[in-house]
Amino acid sequence: MLSPEWTQIFQIKATDLKQGDSWELQYDENIEPNKPNMDWKEYIRNTSARKWPSNKVMVVFHMCLRNGQGTVKVRPLRQNCKKCTNAPMENPKIESENINTLMEKLVEKIKQKCYHENLEESYRPFTLYEVKSPHEPKHCEGCMKGVCTNK
């Protein structure tokens, strides 16, 4: 589940997209990295989160524009506790400033992939949080799915 903040920030950033088209952001825990549905485009991005053994998070976006209606499905990949046995995967807590950066980059990708605009990649770093333990692939859903940049 995404906090309402994701949708609010996305709607503000989406005003930069083609006038007359409408876009919505939906949480979808069933989308899989590297497997968008036919006619859908994909964007996978890393960011940082708090409250995790490793603060690195991969976020999967699938996007589609049909007849002026755009949909973006989003799924932040999860991690589980290193110390617990059979611990469930937990969703990350991504801070506002990093959600804002994610949404800016997402809108750039929509412009490139759905509107075929040629844009220069902008560089805007995410806020990184200090972690006292290394990234552990066996606890990272992104690593398990082969898309984590921290392997």
Foldseek 3Di string as FASTA:
>chain_A
DDDVLLFVLLQVLCVPPDPQADEGEAEDQPDAPPDADPQKDKDKDWAAFPDDLGRIKIKIWIWHDDPRYIYIYIDIWFFADPPDDPTDTDGTHHDSQRSNVVSNQVSVVCCCPVVVDDDDDDDDHHDYDDHDHADDLVGTRCSVSPRDPRD
